[in-house]
Amino acid sequence: MREIRVLIPKERVGVLIGKRGSTKARIEELTKARIDVDSSTGEVTISFPEPPGDPLLPMKLESVVRAIGRGFNPEVAMMLLEDDYVLEVIDIRRFVGDTKNALTRMRGRLIGERGRARMYIEERTNTKISVYGHTVSIIGRTYDVVAAREAVISLLEGSMHSTAYRLMERKIAEMSKRRIMDEMMLDKALREKE
């Protein structure tokens, strides 16, 4: 039985476990996995007593645990159990170093006044964004995450918000065309297979 180990911040262990173990129990019930949590270290061990029907389920569950560790609430994190959802984690320190002031300033830029910047990116790209510790994380469908990532990276590189939004809009249009092309190619491949 293969085990997956994930380290999450200790202060997020309680969120993963939930009130009286309810969140952990729900995730275990949905995935038929066993989740062991060491609350003293934040180490989470995932195992499957029986091989899962979906071969990607171990990776999906690992992403769910990572997402909870990166500040998402469990309901949002569990979207990652669906086939076309992905988690992108970007380390803010890559752009500003690891001084406390620089991290605080950059988190503020990403969130925006009263959360407006984060909300705008989320609404335009149909994604969920968490700014937690030294990371900014995005959950959404693959094409949508690419567009949200464009805005986030642009802000991390110091662009003005208007510039970041403009780049994001371009990426949304590009990803929309790509999605249509991919769907057409998939349809064609399926028709040829019949």
N, C-alpha and C. Protein backbone atom coordinates (compact mmCIF):
# COMPACT_ATOMS: atom_id res chain seq x y z
N MET A 1 0.86 -1.19 0.00
CA MET A 1 0.00 0.00 0.00
C MET A 1 0.89 1.24 0.00
N ARG A 2 0.80 2.05 -1.07
CA ARG A 2 1.63 3.24 -1.21
C ARG A 2 1.09 4.36 -0.32
N GLU A 3 2.03 5.05 0.31
CA GLU A 3 1.63 6.18 1.15
C GLU A 3 2.12 7.48 0.53
N ILE A 4 1.35 8.52 0.73
CA ILE A 4 1.73 9.86 0.29
C ILE A 4 1.86 10.71 1.54
N ARG A 5 2.97 11.41 1.66
CA ARG A 5 3.17 12.28 2.83
C ARG A 5 3.17 13.74 2.38
N VAL A 6 2.41 14.54 3.11
CA VAL A 6 2.31 15.97 2.81
C VAL A 6 2.53 16.73 4.11
N LEU A 7 3.35 17.75 4.05
CA LEU A 7 3.58 18.58 5.24
C LEU A 7 2.77 19.87 5.10
N ILE A 8 1.91 20.13 6.06
CA ILE A 8 1.13 21.37 6.04
C ILE A 8 1.46 22.17 7.30
N PRO A 9 1.22 23.49 7.28
CA PRO A 9 1.50 24.27 8.49
C PRO A 9 0.68 23.73 9.67
N LYS A 10 1.30 23.70 10.83
CA LYS A 10 0.62 23.14 12.01
C LYS A 10 -0.69 23.86 12.31
N GLU A 11 -0.71 25.19 12.05
CA GLU A 11 -1.94 25.94 12.34
C GLU A 11 -3.10 25.58 11.40
N ARG A 12 -2.82 24.80 10.32
CA ARG A 12 -3.88 24.39 9.40
C ARG A 12 -4.38 22.97 9.69
N VAL A 13 -3.74 22.29 10.64
CA VAL A 13 -4.13 20.91 10.97
C VAL A 13 -5.58 20.87 11.44
N GLY A 14 -5.97 21.82 12.27
CA GLY A 14 -7.33 21.85 12.80
C GLY A 14 -8.37 21.99 11.69
N VAL A 15 -8.03 22.75 10.64
CA VAL A 15 -8.96 22.93 9.52
C VAL A 15 -9.12 21.61 8.77
N LEU A 16 -8.02 20.90 8.56
CA LEU A 16 -8.08 19.61 7.87
C LEU A 16 -8.90 18.59 8.68
N ILE A 17 -8.72 18.59 9.97
CA ILE A 17 -9.43 17.62 10.81
C ILE A 17 -10.89 18.02 10.97
N GLY A 18 -11.15 19.31 11.19
CA GLY A 18 -12.53 19.77 11.36
C GLY A 18 -13.05 19.53 12.76
N LYS A 19 -14.22 20.08 13.00
CA LYS A 19 -14.86 19.95 14.31
C LYS A 19 -15.16 18.47 14.58
N ARG A 20 -14.61 17.99 15.67
CA ARG A 20 -14.76 16.57 16.07
C ARG A 20 -14.38 15.60 14.94
N GLY A 21 -13.44 16.02 14.12
CA GLY A 21 -12.94 15.13 13.04
C GLY A 21 -13.85 15.07 11.83
N SER A 22 -14.83 15.97 11.74
CA SER A 22 -15.84 15.86 10.68
C SER A 22 -15.27 16.06 9.27
N THR A 23 -14.35 17.01 9.09
CA THR A 23 -13.83 17.28 7.75
C THR A 23 -12.99 16.10 7.27
N LYS A 24 -12.09 15.63 8.12
CA LYS A 24 -11.25 14.48 7.75
C LYS A 24 -12.12 13.26 7.44
N ALA A 25 -13.13 13.04 8.27
CA ALA A 25 -14.01 11.89 8.06
C ALA A 25 -14.76 12.01 6.72
N ARG A 26 -15.17 13.22 6.39
CA ARG A 26 -15.90 13.43 5.13
C ARG A 26 -15.00 13.16 3.93
N ILE A 27 -13.76 13.66 4.00
CA ILE A 27 -12.82 13.44 2.89
C ILE A 27 -12.52 11.94 2.77
N GLU A 28 -12.34 11.27 3.90
CA GLU A 28 -12.07 9.82 3.86
C GLU A 28 -13.25 9.06 3.25
N GLU A 29 -14.46 9.49 3.61
CA GLU A 29 -15.65 8.82 3.08
C GLU A 29 -15.76 9.01 1.57
N LEU A 30 -15.49 10.24 1.10
CA LEU A 30 -15.58 10.54 -0.33
C LEU A 30 -14.53 9.80 -1.15
N THR A 31 -13.35 9.63 -0.58
CA THR A 31 -12.23 9.09 -1.37
C THR A 31 -11.87 7.65 -1.01
N LYS A 32 -12.45 7.13 0.07
CA LYS A 32 -12.12 5.78 0.57
C LYS A 32 -10.64 5.68 0.97
N ALA A 33 -10.05 6.82 1.29
CA ALA A 33 -8.65 6.85 1.71
C ALA A 33 -8.57 6.88 3.23
N ARG A 34 -7.38 6.61 3.73
CA ARG A 34 -7.14 6.79 5.15
C ARG A 34 -6.19 7.98 5.29
N ILE A 35 -6.55 8.90 6.19
CA ILE A 35 -5.72 10.09 6.39
C ILE A 35 -5.28 10.13 7.84
N ASP A 36 -3.97 10.07 8.05
CA ASP A 36 -3.41 10.16 9.40
C ASP A 36 -2.70 11.50 9.53
N VAL A 37 -2.98 12.20 10.61
CA VAL A 37 -2.43 13.54 10.79
C VAL A 37 -1.62 13.57 12.08
N ASP A 38 -0.36 14.01 11.96
CA ASP A 38 0.48 14.24 13.14
C ASP A 38 0.36 15.73 13.48
N SER A 39 -0.45 16.05 14.46
CA SER A 39 -0.71 17.46 14.75
C SER A 39 0.50 18.17 15.36
N SER A 40 1.48 17.41 15.85
CA SER A 40 2.66 18.06 16.42
C SER A 40 3.63 18.54 15.35
N THR A 41 3.59 17.90 14.15
CA THR A 41 4.51 18.29 13.07
C THR A 41 3.79 18.86 11.85
N GLY A 42 2.51 18.55 11.70
CA GLY A 42 1.78 18.94 10.50
C GLY A 42 1.93 17.94 9.36
N GLU A 43 2.53 16.79 9.65
CA GLU A 43 2.70 15.78 8.59
C GLU A 43 1.40 15.00 8.42
N VAL A 44 0.96 14.90 7.15
CA VAL A 44 -0.27 14.18 6.82
C VAL A 44 0.13 12.98 5.97
N THR A 45 -0.35 11.80 6.37
CA THR A 45 -0.08 10.58 5.60
C THR A 45 -1.38 10.09 4.99
N ILE A 46 -1.36 9.92 3.68
CA ILE A 46 -2.54 9.47 2.93
C ILE A 46 -2.26 8.06 2.43
N SER A 47 -3.20 7.16 2.64
CA SER A 47 -3.04 5.80 2.11
C SER A 47 -4.41 5.30 1.66
N PHE A 48 -4.39 4.33 0.79
CA PHE A 48 -5.62 3.73 0.28
C PHE A 48 -5.62 2.25 0.62
N PRO A 49 -6.48 1.83 1.55
CA PRO A 49 -6.54 0.41 1.89
C PRO A 49 -6.84 -0.47 0.67
N GLU A 50 -7.65 0.04 -0.26
CA GLU A 50 -7.96 -0.66 -1.50
C GLU A 50 -7.53 0.23 -2.66
N PRO A 51 -7.04 -0.36 -3.77
CA PRO A 51 -6.68 0.49 -4.91
C PRO A 51 -7.89 1.31 -5.38
N PRO A 52 -7.72 2.62 -5.55
CA PRO A 52 -8.86 3.45 -5.94
C PRO A 52 -9.28 3.17 -7.39
N GLY A 53 -10.56 3.32 -7.67
CA GLY A 53 -11.07 3.12 -9.03
C GLY A 53 -10.49 4.15 -9.99
N ASP A 54 -10.31 5.36 -9.51
CA ASP A 54 -9.71 6.43 -10.31
C ASP A 54 -8.21 6.45 -10.02
N PRO A 55 -7.37 6.11 -11.00
CA PRO A 55 -5.92 6.08 -10.72
C PRO A 55 -5.33 7.44 -10.36
N LEU A 56 -6.04 8.51 -10.67
CA LEU A 56 -5.55 9.86 -10.35
C LEU A 56 -5.98 10.32 -8.96
N LEU A 57 -6.84 9.53 -8.30
CA LEU A 57 -7.37 9.94 -7.01
C LEU A 57 -6.27 10.24 -5.96
N PRO A 58 -5.20 9.43 -5.86
CA PRO A 58 -4.16 9.78 -4.87
C PRO A 58 -3.58 11.19 -5.10
N MET A 59 -3.33 11.54 -6.36
CA MET A 59 -2.78 12.88 -6.65
C MET A 59 -3.81 13.97 -6.36
N LYS A 60 -5.08 13.67 -6.69
CA LYS A 60 -6.13 14.66 -6.42
C LYS A 60 -6.25 14.90 -4.90
N LEU A 61 -6.21 13.82 -4.14
CA LEU A 61 -6.34 13.96 -2.68
C LEU A 61 -5.13 14.68 -2.09
N GLU A 62 -3.96 14.40 -2.62
CA GLU A 62 -2.77 15.12 -2.17
C GLU A 62 -2.94 16.63 -2.41
N SER A 63 -3.53 16.99 -3.56
CA SER A 63 -3.77 18.41 -3.86
C SER A 63 -4.79 19.01 -2.89
N VAL A 64 -5.81 18.23 -2.53
CA VAL A 64 -6.82 18.71 -1.58
C VAL A 64 -6.14 19.06 -0.25
N VAL A 65 -5.28 18.15 0.24
CA VAL A 65 -4.60 18.38 1.52
C VAL A 65 -3.66 19.58 1.41
N ARG A 66 -2.92 19.67 0.30
CA ARG A 66 -2.03 20.83 0.10
C ARG A 66 -2.82 22.14 0.08
N ALA A 67 -3.96 22.12 -0.59
CA ALA A 67 -4.78 23.33 -0.70
C ALA A 67 -5.28 23.78 0.68
N ILE A 68 -5.71 22.83 1.49
CA ILE A 68 -6.13 23.19 2.85
C ILE A 68 -4.94 23.78 3.60
N GLY A 69 -3.78 23.20 3.41
CA GLY A 69 -2.56 23.70 4.04
C GLY A 69 -2.18 25.10 3.56
N ARG A 70 -2.60 25.45 2.36
CA ARG A 70 -2.26 26.77 1.80
C ARG A 70 -3.39 27.77 2.01
N GLY A 71 -4.33 27.46 2.90
CA GLY A 71 -5.30 28.47 3.33
C GLY A 71 -6.70 28.34 2.79
N PHE A 72 -6.97 27.40 1.88
CA PHE A 72 -8.33 27.26 1.36
C PHE A 72 -9.21 26.56 2.38
N ASN A 73 -10.51 26.90 2.36
CA ASN A 73 -11.41 26.14 3.21
C ASN A 73 -11.65 24.78 2.55
N PRO A 74 -12.00 23.77 3.33
CA PRO A 74 -12.11 22.41 2.78
C PRO A 74 -13.11 22.28 1.63
N GLU A 75 -14.21 23.03 1.68
CA GLU A 75 -15.21 22.93 0.59
C GLU A 75 -14.59 23.33 -0.75
N VAL A 76 -13.83 24.42 -0.74
CA VAL A 76 -13.17 24.85 -1.98
C VAL A 76 -12.09 23.84 -2.37
N ALA A 77 -11.31 23.38 -1.40
CA ALA A 77 -10.23 22.43 -1.70
C ALA A 77 -10.76 21.14 -2.31
N MET A 78 -11.94 20.71 -1.89
CA MET A 78 -12.49 19.46 -2.41
C MET A 78 -12.93 19.55 -3.87
N MET A 79 -12.98 20.78 -4.42
CA MET A 79 -13.22 20.91 -5.86
C MET A 79 -12.13 20.20 -6.64
N LEU A 80 -10.96 20.05 -6.03
CA LEU A 80 -9.82 19.39 -6.70
C LEU A 80 -10.04 17.90 -6.90
N LEU A 81 -11.08 17.33 -6.33
CA LEU A 81 -11.40 15.93 -6.58
C LEU A 81 -12.05 15.75 -7.94
N GLU A 82 -12.51 16.87 -8.54
CA GLU A 82 -13.10 16.79 -9.88
C GLU A 82 -11.96 16.74 -10.91
N ASP A 83 -12.27 16.12 -12.06
CA ASP A 83 -11.23 15.85 -13.05
C ASP A 83 -10.52 17.08 -13.60
N ASP A 84 -11.23 18.14 -13.89
CA ASP A 84 -10.59 19.24 -14.60
C ASP A 84 -10.14 20.39 -13.70
N TYR A 85 -10.09 20.17 -12.40
CA TYR A 85 -9.63 21.22 -11.49
C TYR A 85 -8.17 20.99 -11.10
N VAL A 86 -7.43 22.10 -10.99
CA VAL A 86 -6.02 22.01 -10.63
C VAL A 86 -5.69 23.04 -9.54
N LEU A 87 -4.58 22.78 -8.87
CA LEU A 87 -4.06 23.70 -7.85
C LEU A 87 -2.73 24.25 -8.33
N GLU A 88 -2.59 25.56 -8.31
CA GLU A 88 -1.31 26.21 -8.64
C GLU A 88 -0.84 26.94 -7.38
N VAL A 89 0.36 26.66 -6.94
CA VAL A 89 0.92 27.32 -5.76
C VAL A 89 2.15 28.11 -6.21
N ILE A 90 2.14 29.41 -5.94
CA ILE A 90 3.25 30.28 -6.35
C ILE A 90 3.90 30.83 -5.08
N ASP A 91 5.22 30.68 -5.00
CA ASP A 91 5.96 31.15 -3.83
C ASP A 91 6.31 32.63 -4.03
N ILE A 92 5.74 33.47 -3.19
CA ILE A 92 5.95 34.92 -3.31
C ILE A 92 7.42 35.28 -3.09
N ARG A 93 8.12 34.47 -2.29
CA ARG A 93 9.53 34.77 -1.97
C ARG A 93 10.40 34.79 -3.23
N ARG A 94 10.00 34.06 -4.27
CA ARG A 94 10.76 34.05 -5.53
C ARG A 94 10.83 35.45 -6.13
N PHE A 95 9.87 36.29 -5.81
CA PHE A 95 9.77 37.60 -6.45
C PHE A 95 10.27 38.74 -5.55
N VAL A 96 10.13 38.56 -4.21
CA VAL A 96 10.47 39.69 -3.33
C VAL A 96 11.46 39.32 -2.21
N GLY A 97 11.94 38.09 -2.22
CA GLY A 97 12.81 37.68 -1.12
C GLY A 97 11.96 37.27 0.08
N ASP A 98 12.61 37.05 1.22
CA ASP A 98 11.83 36.53 2.34
C ASP A 98 11.79 37.46 3.55
N THR A 99 12.01 38.76 3.29
CA THR A 99 11.88 39.68 4.43
C THR A 99 10.39 39.86 4.76
N LYS A 100 10.12 40.01 6.04
CA LYS A 100 8.73 40.11 6.50
C LYS A 100 8.01 41.29 5.86
N ASN A 101 8.67 42.45 5.78
CA ASN A 101 8.04 43.64 5.21
C ASN A 101 7.69 43.46 3.73
N ALA A 102 8.62 42.86 2.98
CA ALA A 102 8.38 42.66 1.55
C ALA A 102 7.21 41.70 1.34
N LEU A 103 7.16 40.62 2.13
CA LEU A 103 6.06 39.66 2.00
C LEU A 103 4.72 40.30 2.35
N THR A 104 4.71 41.09 3.42
CA THR A 104 3.47 41.76 3.83
C THR A 104 2.99 42.73 2.75
N ARG A 105 3.92 43.50 2.20
CA ARG A 105 3.57 44.46 1.14
C ARG A 105 3.01 43.74 -0.09
N MET A 106 3.66 42.63 -0.49
CA MET A 106 3.21 41.93 -1.68
C MET A 106 1.87 41.23 -1.45
N ARG A 107 1.67 40.68 -0.27
CA ARG A 107 0.36 40.07 0.03
C ARG A 107 -0.74 41.13 -0.09
N GLY A 108 -0.43 42.33 0.40
CA GLY A 108 -1.38 43.43 0.31
C GLY A 108 -1.71 43.79 -1.13
N ARG A 109 -0.70 43.81 -2.00
CA ARG A 109 -0.92 44.10 -3.43
C ARG A 109 -1.82 43.05 -4.07
N LEU A 110 -1.56 41.78 -3.73
CA LEU A 110 -2.33 40.69 -4.34
C LEU A 110 -3.79 40.71 -3.87
N ILE A 111 -3.99 41.04 -2.62
CA ILE A 111 -5.35 41.05 -2.07
C ILE A 111 -6.08 42.33 -2.48
N GLY A 112 -5.37 43.45 -2.43
CA GLY A 112 -5.96 44.73 -2.80
C GLY A 112 -6.79 45.31 -1.66
N GLU A 113 -7.18 46.58 -1.84
CA GLU A 113 -7.97 47.25 -0.82
C GLU A 113 -9.31 46.55 -0.65
N ARG A 114 -9.61 46.17 0.58
CA ARG A 114 -10.84 45.42 0.92
C ARG A 114 -11.02 44.16 0.07
N GLY A 115 -9.90 43.58 -0.35
CA GLY A 115 -9.95 42.32 -1.10
C GLY A 115 -10.35 42.47 -2.56
N ARG A 116 -10.39 43.71 -3.05
CA ARG A 116 -10.90 43.94 -4.41
C ARG A 116 -10.07 43.28 -5.50
N ALA A 117 -8.74 43.35 -5.40
CA ALA A 117 -7.90 42.78 -6.46
C ALA A 117 -8.12 41.27 -6.55
N ARG A 118 -8.07 40.61 -5.42
CA ARG A 118 -8.27 39.16 -5.43
C ARG A 118 -9.66 38.81 -5.95
N MET A 119 -10.68 39.52 -5.46
CA MET A 119 -12.05 39.23 -5.89
C MET A 119 -12.22 39.44 -7.40
N TYR A 120 -11.61 40.52 -7.93
CA TYR A 120 -11.75 40.80 -9.36
C TYR A 120 -11.15 39.67 -10.18
N ILE A 121 -9.95 39.24 -9.80
CA ILE A 121 -9.30 38.14 -10.55
C ILE A 121 -10.14 36.86 -10.43
N GLU A 122 -10.64 36.60 -9.22
CA GLU A 122 -11.46 35.39 -9.04
C GLU A 122 -12.71 35.43 -9.92
N GLU A 123 -13.38 36.58 -9.92
CA GLU A 123 -14.63 36.68 -10.69
C GLU A 123 -14.39 36.57 -12.19
N ARG A 124 -13.34 37.23 -12.69
CA ARG A 124 -13.08 37.21 -14.14
C ARG A 124 -12.59 35.84 -14.62
N THR A 125 -11.97 35.08 -13.74
CA THR A 125 -11.38 33.80 -14.18
C THR A 125 -12.11 32.58 -13.61
N ASN A 126 -13.16 32.80 -12.82
CA ASN A 126 -13.88 31.67 -12.19
C ASN A 126 -12.95 30.78 -11.38
N THR A 127 -12.06 31.40 -10.64
CA THR A 127 -11.12 30.66 -9.81
C THR A 127 -11.29 31.08 -8.35
N LYS A 128 -10.61 30.38 -7.47
CA LYS A 128 -10.51 30.75 -6.07
C LYS A 128 -9.04 30.98 -5.76
N ILE A 129 -8.75 32.05 -5.01
CA ILE A 129 -7.37 32.43 -4.73
C ILE A 129 -7.19 32.55 -3.22
N SER A 130 -6.09 31.98 -2.73
CA SER A 130 -5.74 32.11 -1.31
C SER A 130 -4.34 32.71 -1.20
N VAL A 131 -4.24 33.78 -0.45
CA VAL A 131 -2.92 34.38 -0.17
C VAL A 131 -2.64 34.03 1.28
N TYR A 132 -1.66 33.14 1.49
CA TYR A 132 -1.42 32.61 2.83
C TYR A 132 0.08 32.44 3.05
N GLY A 133 0.58 33.02 4.12
CA GLY A 133 2.01 32.89 4.41
C GLY A 133 2.85 33.46 3.28
N HIS A 134 3.74 32.64 2.74
CA HIS A 134 4.61 33.09 1.66
C HIS A 134 4.15 32.60 0.28
N THR A 135 2.87 32.17 0.19
CA THR A 135 2.39 31.67 -1.09
C THR A 135 1.07 32.34 -1.50
N VAL A 136 0.84 32.32 -2.81
CA VAL A 136 -0.48 32.63 -3.35
C VAL A 136 -0.87 31.40 -4.16
N SER A 137 -2.08 30.89 -3.91
CA SER A 137 -2.52 29.64 -4.53
C SER A 137 -3.82 29.88 -5.28
N ILE A 138 -3.98 29.13 -6.36
CA ILE A 138 -5.15 29.29 -7.23
C ILE A 138 -5.78 27.91 -7.45
N ILE A 139 -7.10 27.82 -7.32
CA ILE A 139 -7.84 26.60 -7.66
C ILE A 139 -8.84 26.96 -8.74
N GLY A 140 -8.88 26.14 -9.77
CA GLY A 140 -9.87 26.36 -10.84
C GLY A 140 -9.64 25.36 -11.94
N ARG A 141 -10.44 25.52 -13.02
CA ARG A 141 -10.23 24.67 -14.19
C ARG A 141 -8.93 25.12 -14.86
N THR A 142 -8.28 24.21 -15.54
CA THR A 142 -6.94 24.45 -16.06
C THR A 142 -6.83 25.75 -16.85
N TYR A 143 -7.73 25.97 -17.81
CA TYR A 143 -7.63 27.16 -18.65
C TYR A 143 -7.83 28.44 -17.80
N ASP A 144 -8.71 28.36 -16.82
CA ASP A 144 -8.99 29.52 -15.97
C ASP A 144 -7.80 29.85 -15.06
N VAL A 145 -7.14 28.80 -14.55
CA VAL A 145 -5.99 29.02 -13.68
C VAL A 145 -4.85 29.70 -14.45
N VAL A 146 -4.70 29.35 -15.73
CA VAL A 146 -3.65 29.98 -16.54
C VAL A 146 -3.88 31.50 -16.61
N ALA A 147 -5.14 31.89 -16.80
CA ALA A 147 -5.45 33.33 -16.89
C ALA A 147 -5.24 34.03 -15.54
N ALA A 148 -5.69 33.40 -14.47
CA ALA A 148 -5.51 34.00 -13.14
C ALA A 148 -4.02 34.11 -12.80
N ARG A 149 -3.28 33.07 -13.18
CA ARG A 149 -1.83 33.06 -12.92
C ARG A 149 -1.16 34.25 -13.63
N GLU A 150 -1.61 34.56 -14.82
CA GLU A 150 -1.03 35.69 -15.58
C GLU A 150 -1.14 36.98 -14.77
N ALA A 151 -2.32 37.22 -14.19
CA ALA A 151 -2.51 38.44 -13.39
C ALA A 151 -1.66 38.41 -12.13
N VAL A 152 -1.63 37.27 -11.46
CA VAL A 152 -0.88 37.15 -10.20
C VAL A 152 0.61 37.36 -10.45
N ILE A 153 1.15 36.71 -11.47
CA ILE A 153 2.59 36.86 -11.76
C ILE A 153 2.90 38.31 -12.12
N SER A 154 2.03 38.92 -12.89
CA SER A 154 2.25 40.31 -13.29
C SER A 154 2.30 41.23 -12.05
N LEU A 155 1.39 41.00 -11.10
CA LEU A 155 1.41 41.80 -9.86
C LEU A 155 2.68 41.51 -9.05
N LEU A 156 3.07 40.25 -9.00
CA LEU A 156 4.29 39.89 -8.26
C LEU A 156 5.52 40.52 -8.88
N GLU A 157 5.48 40.71 -10.20
CA GLU A 157 6.62 41.33 -10.89
C GLU A 157 6.59 42.84 -10.81
N GLY A 158 5.56 43.39 -10.15
CA GLY A 158 5.53 44.84 -9.90
C GLY A 158 4.67 45.64 -10.84
N SER A 159 3.91 44.99 -11.72
CA SER A 159 3.04 45.74 -12.64
C SER A 159 1.93 46.45 -11.88
N MET A 160 1.41 47.50 -12.48
CA MET A 160 0.23 48.15 -11.90
C MET A 160 -0.96 47.20 -12.05
N HIS A 161 -1.97 47.39 -11.21
CA HIS A 161 -3.13 46.50 -11.28
C HIS A 161 -3.79 46.55 -12.66
N SER A 162 -3.89 47.75 -13.24
CA SER A 162 -4.54 47.87 -14.55
C SER A 162 -3.79 47.06 -15.61
N THR A 163 -2.46 47.07 -15.54
CA THR A 163 -1.66 46.30 -16.50
C THR A 163 -1.89 44.81 -16.29
N ALA A 164 -1.89 44.39 -15.03
CA ALA A 164 -2.10 42.97 -14.71
C ALA A 164 -3.46 42.50 -15.21
N TYR A 165 -4.48 43.34 -15.04
CA TYR A 165 -5.83 42.96 -15.48
C TYR A 165 -5.90 42.88 -17.01
N ARG A 166 -5.20 43.80 -17.69
CA ARG A 166 -5.20 43.79 -19.16
C ARG A 166 -4.55 42.51 -19.68
N LEU A 167 -3.42 42.14 -19.07
CA LEU A 167 -2.75 40.89 -19.47
C LEU A 167 -3.65 39.69 -19.20
N MET A 168 -4.36 39.74 -18.07
CA MET A 168 -5.28 38.65 -17.72
C MET A 168 -6.39 38.53 -18.77
N GLU A 169 -6.96 39.67 -19.18
CA GLU A 169 -8.04 39.64 -20.18
C GLU A 169 -7.54 39.03 -21.49
N ARG A 170 -6.33 39.38 -21.89
CA ARG A 170 -5.76 38.79 -23.11
C ARG A 170 -5.64 37.27 -22.96
N LYS A 171 -5.18 36.87 -21.78
CA LYS A 171 -5.00 35.43 -21.54
C LYS A 171 -6.35 34.72 -21.50
N ILE A 172 -7.37 35.38 -20.94
CA ILE A 172 -8.72 34.78 -20.93
C ILE A 172 -9.18 34.52 -22.37
N ALA A 173 -8.98 35.53 -23.25
CA ALA A 173 -9.38 35.38 -24.65
C ALA A 173 -8.59 34.26 -25.33
N GLU A 174 -7.28 34.23 -25.08
CA GLU A 174 -6.42 33.20 -25.67
C GLU A 174 -6.84 31.80 -25.19
N MET A 175 -7.10 31.68 -23.89
CA MET A 175 -7.47 30.37 -23.33
C MET A 175 -8.85 29.93 -23.83
N SER A 176 -9.74 30.90 -24.06
CA SER A 176 -11.06 30.58 -24.59
C SER A 176 -10.93 29.96 -25.99
N LYS A 177 -10.10 30.58 -26.83
CA LYS A 177 -9.86 30.03 -28.18
C LYS A 177 -9.23 28.64 -28.09
N ARG A 178 -8.25 28.51 -27.20
CA ARG A 178 -7.56 27.23 -27.06
C ARG A 178 -8.52 26.14 -26.58
N ARG A 179 -9.40 26.51 -25.65
CA ARG A 179 -10.38 25.54 -25.13
C ARG A 179 -11.28 25.04 -26.27
N ILE A 180 -11.73 25.99 -27.11
CA ILE A 180 -12.60 25.60 -28.23
C ILE A 180 -11.84 24.68 -29.18
N MET A 181 -10.59 25.04 -29.49
CA MET A 181 -9.78 24.20 -30.40
C MET A 181 -9.57 22.81 -29.81
N ASP A 182 -9.25 22.75 -28.52
CA ASP A 182 -9.02 21.45 -27.87
C ASP A 182 -10.28 20.60 -27.90
N GLU A 183 -11.44 21.23 -27.64
CA GLU A 183 -12.70 20.48 -27.65
C GLU A 183 -13.01 19.96 -29.06
N MET A 184 -12.73 20.79 -30.09
CA MET A 184 -12.96 20.36 -31.47
C MET A 184 -12.06 19.18 -31.83
N MET A 185 -10.78 19.26 -31.40
CA MET A 185 -9.84 18.17 -31.70
C MET A 185 -10.25 16.89 -30.97
N LEU A 186 -10.73 17.03 -29.74
CA LEU A 186 -11.18 15.86 -28.98
C LEU A 186 -12.40 15.23 -29.64
N ASP A 187 -13.36 16.08 -30.06
CA ASP A 187 -14.55 15.57 -30.76
C ASP A 187 -14.15 14.81 -32.02
N LYS A 188 -13.23 15.41 -32.78
CA LYS A 188 -12.78 14.78 -34.04
C LYS A 188 -12.12 13.43 -33.75
N ALA A 189 -11.27 13.41 -32.73
CA ALA A 189 -10.58 12.15 -32.38
C ALA A 189 -11.59 11.08 -31.95
N LEU A 190 -12.60 11.49 -31.20
CA LEU A 190 -13.61 10.52 -30.75
C LEU A 190 -14.44 10.00 -31.92
N ARG A 191 -14.76 10.90 -32.88
CA ARG A 191 -15.54 10.48 -34.05
C ARG A 191 -14.73 9.51 -34.91
N GLU A 192 -13.43 9.77 -35.06
CA GLU A 192 -12.57 8.88 -35.86
C GLU A 192 -12.42 7.51 -35.21
N LYS A 193 -12.51 7.49 -33.90
CA LYS A 193 -12.34 6.24 -33.16
C LYS A 193 -13.57 5.33 -33.31
N GLU A 194 -14.76 5.97 -33.55
CA GLU A 194 -16.00 5.20 -33.64
C GLU A 194 -16.08 4.38 -34.93
